């Protein structure tokens, strides 16, 4: 069975065909990562038609305002003084009985490029019913079915590096990880912040550093979740306590739940490291989903935290997660909970 393409690979393939003017009658863009859905739709909107053709031949519709029959009627029209008409339907997740498009897809208008943008959150049932699966199968026969999935957290740093490289800008693993830790996994948000950083770079130095991030985004290079987990892994008691104090004094920028998640993910990697048969840098990086630059950090942390201690940490994290939600805790604030937690982890 052929390996299924990632969202990044599928996006590159779709854009490559569009640049070659290889057009399909329908592009069904669906998934929980809006970034690539918007990128494909925007490219079609900006590049298929000449500016002079757009007033009569390009339409933007919204799911809350139309139904499937209305889309079909629009798609069956012929273009005016143009080879194509482009119809982009945004927020298609709001359309009831979207599967009724099936009748159109059995005989699509060759001069129409219909773009359906269906965004939904991970775990939603959109696109999973039998009728929807039948519609998706039909889309694949006559057009492009593009599934845009959220990247995993351990893929974001590489994505940041690749995004910047395409802009002629370099970034080292540490600042890329800092950006990932600070910005999360929303690619649209990350791309927006990266563009801001690029603009602030001097003309003679196209490299983003930790200092540049700290100066322009406001992320402290010394007090962040990346440094917290690294310091825990080193059992650097002084530094861990300084970071915990900083988080306690700045709770809005350092939510306890995100600190819990970061610590959990960190110790999961340490725990998994113990059971790797091949502990070469390349295999450790691959199995743990980290940049090879950071493999020594996990190897050193594993010397301090054996599997039994990792299990104890998981139990602590579960207990403190429940306390943060009010169980067996009447008044202890999140900052104090974090101080208690990191103390118990290191002792």
Protein backbone atom coordinates (compact mmCIF):
# COMPACT_ATOMS: atom_id res chain seq x y z
CA UNK A 1 0.00 0.00 0.00
CA UNK A 2 1.36 3.42 -0.97
CA UNK A 3 2.22 5.73 1.89
CA UNK A 4 -0.37 8.45 2.33
CA UNK A 5 0.96 11.93 1.63
CA UNK A 6 1.30 14.39 4.48
CA UNK A 7 -0.58 17.69 4.30
CA UNK A 8 2.67 19.43 3.40
CA UNK A 9 3.40 17.03 0.53
CA UNK A 10 -0.18 17.12 -0.74
CA UNK A 11 -0.22 20.92 -0.62
CA UNK A 12 3.04 21.14 -2.59
CA UNK A 13 1.60 18.80 -5.23
CA UNK A 14 -1.64 20.76 -5.59
CA UNK A 15 0.19 24.09 -5.91
CA UNK A 16 2.66 22.59 -8.40
CA UNK A 17 -0.20 21.52 -10.69
CA UNK A 18 -1.93 24.87 -10.36
CA UNK A 19 1.27 26.68 -11.33
CA UNK A 20 1.37 24.49 -14.44
CA UNK A 21 -2.24 25.53 -15.12
CA UNK A 22 -3.45 21.98 -14.63
CA UNK A 23 -6.95 22.72 -13.34
CA UNK A 24 -9.59 20.36 -11.98
CA UNK A 25 -13.36 21.00 -11.94
CA UNK A 26 -13.51 20.71 -8.13
CA UNK A 27 -11.12 21.24 -5.23
CA UNK A 28 -12.56 19.91 -2.00
CA UNK A 29 -10.40 21.30 0.79
CA UNK A 30 -11.23 19.79 4.16
CA UNK A 31 -9.66 19.30 7.57
CA UNK A 32 -8.80 20.78 10.94
CA UNK A 33 -5.74 22.77 9.79
CA UNK A 34 -7.07 25.92 8.16
CA UNK A 35 -3.67 27.18 7.00
CA UNK A 36 -3.33 24.96 3.93
CA UNK A 37 -7.02 25.21 3.08
CA UNK A 38 -6.70 29.00 2.93
CA UNK A 39 -3.41 28.83 1.02
CA UNK A 40 -4.87 26.68 -1.78
CA UNK A 41 -8.10 28.71 -2.00
CA UNK A 42 -6.15 31.99 -2.03
CA UNK A 43 -3.81 30.77 -4.74
CA UNK A 44 -6.73 29.83 -6.98
CA UNK A 45 -8.46 33.14 -6.27
CA UNK A 46 -5.33 35.14 -7.05
CA UNK A 47 -3.89 33.30 -10.04
CA UNK A 48 -6.39 31.37 -12.19
CA UNK A 49 -8.18 34.36 -13.72
CA UNK A 50 -6.81 37.63 -15.03
CA UNK A 51 -7.88 40.69 -13.08
CA UNK A 52 -10.09 41.78 -15.99
CA UNK A 53 -11.91 38.41 -15.90
CA UNK A 54 -12.66 38.31 -12.18
CA UNK A 55 -15.61 40.75 -11.91
CA UNK A 56 -17.86 38.48 -14.02
CA UNK A 57 -16.27 35.11 -13.46
CA UNK A 58 -15.14 34.82 -9.85
CA UNK A 59 -17.54 34.39 -6.94
CA UNK A 60 -16.98 33.99 -3.20
CA UNK A 61 -19.87 32.26 -1.42
CA UNK A 62 -20.32 31.46 2.27
CA UNK A 63 -21.79 28.27 3.66
CA UNK A 64 -24.24 30.03 5.96
CA UNK A 65 -25.78 31.81 2.92
CA UNK A 66 -26.09 28.98 0.39
CA UNK A 67 -27.14 25.37 0.05
CA UNK A 68 -26.05 22.62 -2.32
CA UNK A 69 -28.66 23.41 -5.04
CA UNK A 70 -27.54 27.07 -5.10
CA UNK A 71 -23.91 26.01 -5.53
CA UNK A 72 -24.87 23.65 -8.34
CA UNK A 73 -26.82 26.37 -10.17
CA UNK A 74 -23.86 28.73 -9.91
CA UNK A 75 -21.38 26.06 -11.03
CA UNK A 76 -23.41 25.19 -14.12
CA UNK A 77 -23.22 28.72 -15.50
CA UNK A 78 -20.84 29.43 -18.36
CA UNK A 79 -18.00 31.96 -18.02
CA UNK A 80 -18.20 35.34 -19.72
CA UNK A 81 -15.31 36.15 -22.07
CA UNK A 82 -13.07 33.73 -20.20
CA UNK A 83 -12.09 30.08 -20.33
CA UNK A 84 -13.07 29.53 -16.72
CA UNK A 85 -15.24 30.73 -13.91
CA UNK A 86 -14.05 30.28 -10.32
CA UNK A 87 -16.48 29.69 -7.45
CA UNK A 88 -15.04 29.54 -3.95
CA UNK A 89 -17.33 28.35 -1.15
CA UNK A 90 -15.99 29.27 2.28
CA UNK A 91 -17.20 27.85 5.60
CA UNK A 92 -18.76 24.90 3.80
CA UNK A 93 -19.02 23.08 7.14
CA UNK A 94 -22.15 25.18 7.70
CA UNK A 95 -23.94 23.72 4.67
CA UNK A 96 -26.58 21.12 5.46
CA UNK A 97 -26.75 18.15 3.08
CA UNK A 98 -23.50 19.07 1.35
CA UNK A 99 -23.57 15.54 -0.03
CA UNK A 100 -26.27 16.73 -2.45
CA UNK A 101 -23.38 18.05 -4.56
CA UNK A 102 -23.04 14.46 -5.74
CA UNK A 103 -25.46 15.06 -8.60
CA UNK A 104 -23.22 17.86 -9.93
CA UNK A 105 -20.00 15.89 -9.55
CA UNK A 106 -21.36 13.12 -11.75
CA UNK A 107 -21.22 15.61 -14.64
CA UNK A 108 -19.23 18.71 -13.57
CA UNK A 109 -19.02 21.80 -15.78
CA UNK A 110 -15.55 21.69 -17.38
CA UNK A 111 -15.29 25.47 -17.52
CA UNK A 112 -16.01 25.85 -13.78
CA UNK A 113 -13.41 25.55 -11.02
CA UNK A 114 -15.39 24.90 -7.86
CA UNK A 115 -13.50 25.24 -4.57
CA UNK A 116 -15.15 23.92 -1.40
CA UNK A 117 -13.51 24.98 1.90
CA UNK A 118 -14.71 22.80 4.76
CA UNK A 119 -12.96 23.51 8.05
CA UNK A 120 -13.61 21.67 11.26
CA UNK A 121 -11.99 20.94 14.58
CA UNK A 122 -10.13 17.71 15.32
CA UNK A 123 -12.59 15.06 16.45
CA UNK A 124 -15.58 16.51 14.62
CA UNK A 125 -17.67 14.09 12.60
CA UNK A 126 -17.61 16.15 9.41
CA UNK A 127 -16.84 14.04 6.39
CA UNK A 128 -17.23 10.70 8.24
CA UNK A 129 -20.80 9.66 7.41
CA UNK A 130 -21.50 7.13 4.67
CA UNK A 131 -23.00 9.84 2.45
CA UNK A 132 -19.99 12.09 2.97
CA UNK A 133 -17.56 9.26 2.24
CA UNK A 134 -19.43 8.60 -1.00
CA UNK A 135 -19.13 12.28 -1.91
CA UNK A 136 -15.39 12.27 -1.12
CA UNK A 137 -14.87 9.21 -3.31
CA UNK A 138 -16.61 11.00 -6.17
CA UNK A 139 -14.49 14.13 -5.63
CA UNK A 140 -11.33 12.04 -5.93
CA UNK A 141 -12.51 10.68 -9.29
CA UNK A 142 -13.15 14.03 -10.93
CA UNK A 143 -11.08 16.54 -8.96
CA UNK A 144 -8.85 17.10 -5.96
CA UNK A 145 -9.63 15.97 -2.42
CA UNK A 146 -7.21 17.76 -0.12
CA UNK A 147 -7.19 16.79 3.56
CA UNK A 148 -5.44 19.35 5.74
CA UNK A 149 -4.51 17.83 9.09
CA UNK A 150 -3.01 19.51 12.13
CA UNK A 151 0.71 18.95 12.48
CA UNK A 152 1.94 17.26 15.63
CA UNK A 153 3.76 19.46 18.11
CA UNK A 154 7.07 17.74 17.34
CA UNK A 155 6.71 18.67 13.64
CA UNK A 156 6.33 22.41 14.17
CA UNK A 157 9.99 23.32 14.67
CA UNK A 158 10.90 21.67 11.36
CA UNK A 159 7.99 23.45 9.69
CA UNK A 160 9.22 26.79 11.02
CA UNK A 161 12.72 26.07 9.73
CA UNK A 162 11.41 25.10 6.29
CA UNK A 163 9.06 28.10 6.08
CA UNK A 164 11.88 30.51 6.84
CA UNK A 165 14.29 28.73 4.48
CA UNK A 166 11.84 29.32 1.62
CA UNK A 167 12.01 33.03 2.52
CA UNK A 168 15.81 33.01 2.51
CA UNK A 169 16.01 33.19 6.32
CA UNK A 170 17.80 30.75 8.63
CA UNK A 171 17.07 29.73 12.21
CA UNK A 172 18.85 27.37 14.59
CA UNK A 173 17.07 24.54 16.49
CA UNK A 174 16.91 26.36 19.85
CA UNK A 175 15.12 29.52 18.61
CA UNK A 176 12.87 27.36 16.40
CA UNK A 177 11.88 25.36 19.49
CA UNK A 178 11.28 28.57 21.43
CA UNK A 179 8.91 29.80 18.74
CA UNK A 180 7.11 26.47 18.76
CA UNK A 181 6.77 26.58 22.55
CA UNK A 182 5.49 30.16 22.51
CA UNK A 183 3.25 30.11 19.43
CA UNK A 184 1.76 26.61 19.65
CA UNK A 185 0.63 24.64 16.59
CA UNK A 186 -1.65 27.10 14.77
CA UNK A 187 0.19 27.45 11.44
CA UNK A 188 -1.65 30.61 10.43
CA UNK A 189 -0.63 32.30 13.68
CA UNK A 190 2.95 31.04 13.36
CA UNK A 191 3.27 32.21 9.74
CA UNK A 192 1.93 35.63 10.71
CA UNK A 193 4.48 36.00 13.52
CA UNK A 194 7.31 34.75 11.30
CA UNK A 195 6.46 37.37 8.68
CA UNK A 196 6.67 40.04 11.39
CA UNK A 197 10.07 38.75 12.44
CA UNK A 198 11.33 38.68 8.86
CA UNK A 199 10.38 42.33 8.37
CA UNK A 200 12.40 43.35 11.44
CA UNK A 201 15.58 41.57 10.30
CA UNK A 202 18.44 43.78 9.11
CA UNK A 203 19.14 43.57 5.38
CA UNK A 204 22.63 42.20 5.93
CA UNK A 205 21.65 39.44 8.39
CA UNK A 206 18.86 37.04 7.47
CA UNK A 207 19.07 34.90 10.58
CA UNK A 208 16.55 34.71 13.42
CA UNK A 209 18.17 34.30 16.83
CA UNK A 210 16.92 33.89 20.39
CA UNK A 211 17.77 37.53 21.07
CA UNK A 212 15.80 38.63 18.01
CA UNK A 213 12.76 36.66 19.19
CA UNK A 214 13.03 38.06 22.71
CA UNK A 215 13.31 41.61 21.40
CA UNK A 216 10.43 41.45 18.92
CA UNK A 217 7.93 38.90 20.27
CA UNK A 218 8.37 39.36 24.00
CA UNK A 219 9.27 35.76 24.77
CA UNK A 220 11.91 35.55 27.50
CA UNK A 221 14.85 33.38 26.52
CA UNK A 222 15.37 32.41 30.18
CA UNK A 223 11.80 32.01 31.43
CA UNK A 224 9.73 29.77 29.17
CA UNK A 225 8.41 26.21 29.12
CA UNK A 226 11.28 25.04 26.93
CA UNK A 227 13.79 26.20 29.56
CA UNK A 228 11.62 24.80 32.36
CA UNK A 229 11.65 21.25 30.98
CA UNK A 230 15.32 21.43 30.06
CA UNK A 231 16.20 22.58 33.58
CA UNK A 232 14.06 19.83 35.10
CA UNK A 233 15.91 17.32 32.93
CA UNK A 234 19.19 18.64 34.30
CA UNK A 235 17.79 18.75 37.86
CA UNK A 236 18.96 22.34 38.02
CA UNK A 237 17.07 23.22 41.19
CA UNK A 238 17.98 26.90 41.25
CA UNK A 239 16.97 27.57 37.65
CA UNK A 240 13.76 25.52 37.87
CA UNK A 241 12.67 27.46 40.95
CA UNK A 242 13.46 30.80 39.29
CA UNK A 243 11.33 29.84 36.29
CA UNK A 244 8.50 28.58 38.51
CA UNK A 245 8.56 31.86 40.44
CA UNK A 246 8.46 33.82 37.18
CA UNK A 247 5.50 31.76 35.94
CA UNK A 248 3.69 32.29 39.24
CA UNK A 249 4.10 36.06 38.88
CA UNK A 250 3.01 36.03 35.21
CA UNK A 251 0.16 33.48 35.13
CA UNK A 252 -1.68 34.93 32.13
CA UNK A 253 1.32 34.33 29.87
CA UNK A 254 2.23 31.01 31.50
CA UNK A 255 -0.95 28.98 32.16
CA UNK A 256 -0.43 26.07 34.54
CA UNK A 257 -2.20 23.67 32.16
CA UNK A 258 0.36 24.40 29.44
CA UNK A 259 3.24 23.85 31.87
CA UNK A 260 1.71 20.50 32.84
CA UNK A 261 1.42 19.51 29.19
CA UNK A 262 5.02 20.52 28.43
CA UNK A 263 6.38 18.59 31.42
CA UNK A 264 4.32 15.53 30.50
CA UNK A 265 5.52 15.51 26.90
CA UNK A 266 9.11 15.91 28.07
CA UNK A 267 9.03 12.97 30.47
CA UNK A 268 7.22 10.77 27.97
CA UNK A 269 10.25 11.20 25.72
CA UNK A 270 12.63 10.36 28.59
CA UNK A 271 10.54 7.29 29.44
CA UNK A 272 10.50 6.12 25.83
CA UNK A 273 14.25 6.65 25.53
CA UNK A 274 14.90 4.02 28.20
CA UNK A 275 13.28 1.32 26.07
CA UNK A 276 14.95 2.11 22.76
CA UNK A 277 17.22 -0.70 21.62
CA UNK A 278 19.02 1.55 19.17
CA UNK A 279 20.22 4.62 21.05
CA UNK A 280 22.11 6.20 18.19
CA UNK A 281 21.47 9.92 17.74
CA UNK A 282 19.64 9.38 14.45
CA UNK A 283 17.29 6.73 15.86
CA UNK A 284 16.66 8.63 19.09
CA UNK A 285 15.74 11.74 17.11
CA UNK A 286 13.43 9.72 14.86
CA UNK A 287 11.72 7.72 17.62
CA UNK A 288 11.26 10.66 19.98
CA UNK A 289 10.29 13.11 17.24
CA UNK A 290 12.95 15.67 18.14
CA UNK A 291 15.66 17.52 16.28
CA UNK A 292 18.98 15.58 16.45
CA UNK A 293 20.43 18.69 18.12
CA UNK A 294 18.48 17.81 21.29
CA UNK A 295 19.20 14.08 21.58
CA UNK A 296 22.01 14.56 24.13
CA UNK A 297 19.61 16.48 26.35
CA UNK A 298 17.29 13.47 26.59
CA UNK A 299 20.19 11.02 27.01
CA UNK A 300 21.50 13.04 29.95
CA UNK A 301 18.03 13.43 31.47
CA UNK A 302 17.54 9.65 31.26
CA UNK A 303 20.60 9.18 33.47
CA UNK A 304 18.89 11.24 36.17
CA UNK A 305 15.34 9.93 35.76
CA UNK A 306 14.96 6.16 35.49
CA UNK A 307 11.71 4.57 34.23
CA UNK A 308 10.32 4.22 37.77
CA UNK A 309 10.89 7.91 38.47
CA UNK A 310 9.21 8.81 35.15
CA UNK A 311 6.14 6.84 36.22
CA UNK A 312 6.17 8.76 39.53
CA UNK A 313 6.27 12.01 37.54
CA UNK A 314 3.26 10.92 35.48
CA UNK A 315 1.37 10.20 38.70
CA UNK A 316 2.32 13.62 40.09
CA UNK A 317 1.17 15.34 36.91
CA UNK A 318 -2.18 13.58 37.09
CA UNK A 319 -2.63 14.58 40.75
CA UNK A 320 -1.72 18.21 40.12
CA UNK A 321 -3.92 18.39 37.07
CA UNK A 322 -6.86 17.32 39.24
CA UNK A 323 -5.89 19.79 41.98
CA UNK A 324 -5.75 22.60 39.41
CA UNK A 325 -9.33 21.66 38.52
CA UNK A 326 -10.39 21.98 42.16
CA UNK A 327 -10.22 18.39 43.41
CA UNK A 328 -8.75 18.25 46.94
CA UNK A 329 -7.78 21.88 46.57
CA UNK A 330 -9.78 24.75 48.00
CA UNK A 331 -7.48 27.72 47.63
CA UNK A 332 -3.95 26.88 46.41
CA UNK A 333 -3.15 29.02 43.37
CA UNK A 334 -1.64 27.64 40.19
CA UNK A 335 1.72 29.28 40.82
CA UNK A 336 2.09 27.54 44.18
CA UNK A 337 0.95 24.26 42.63
CA UNK A 338 3.73 24.55 40.06
CA UNK A 339 6.32 25.24 42.78
CA UNK A 340 5.16 22.15 44.69
CA UNK A 341 5.13 20.01 41.55
CA UNK A 342 8.65 20.81 40.35
CA UNK A 343 10.02 20.31 43.88
CA UNK A 344 8.53 16.81 44.06
CA UNK A 345 9.73 15.97 40.55
CA UNK A 346 13.34 16.82 41.43
CA UNK A 347 13.36 15.15 44.86
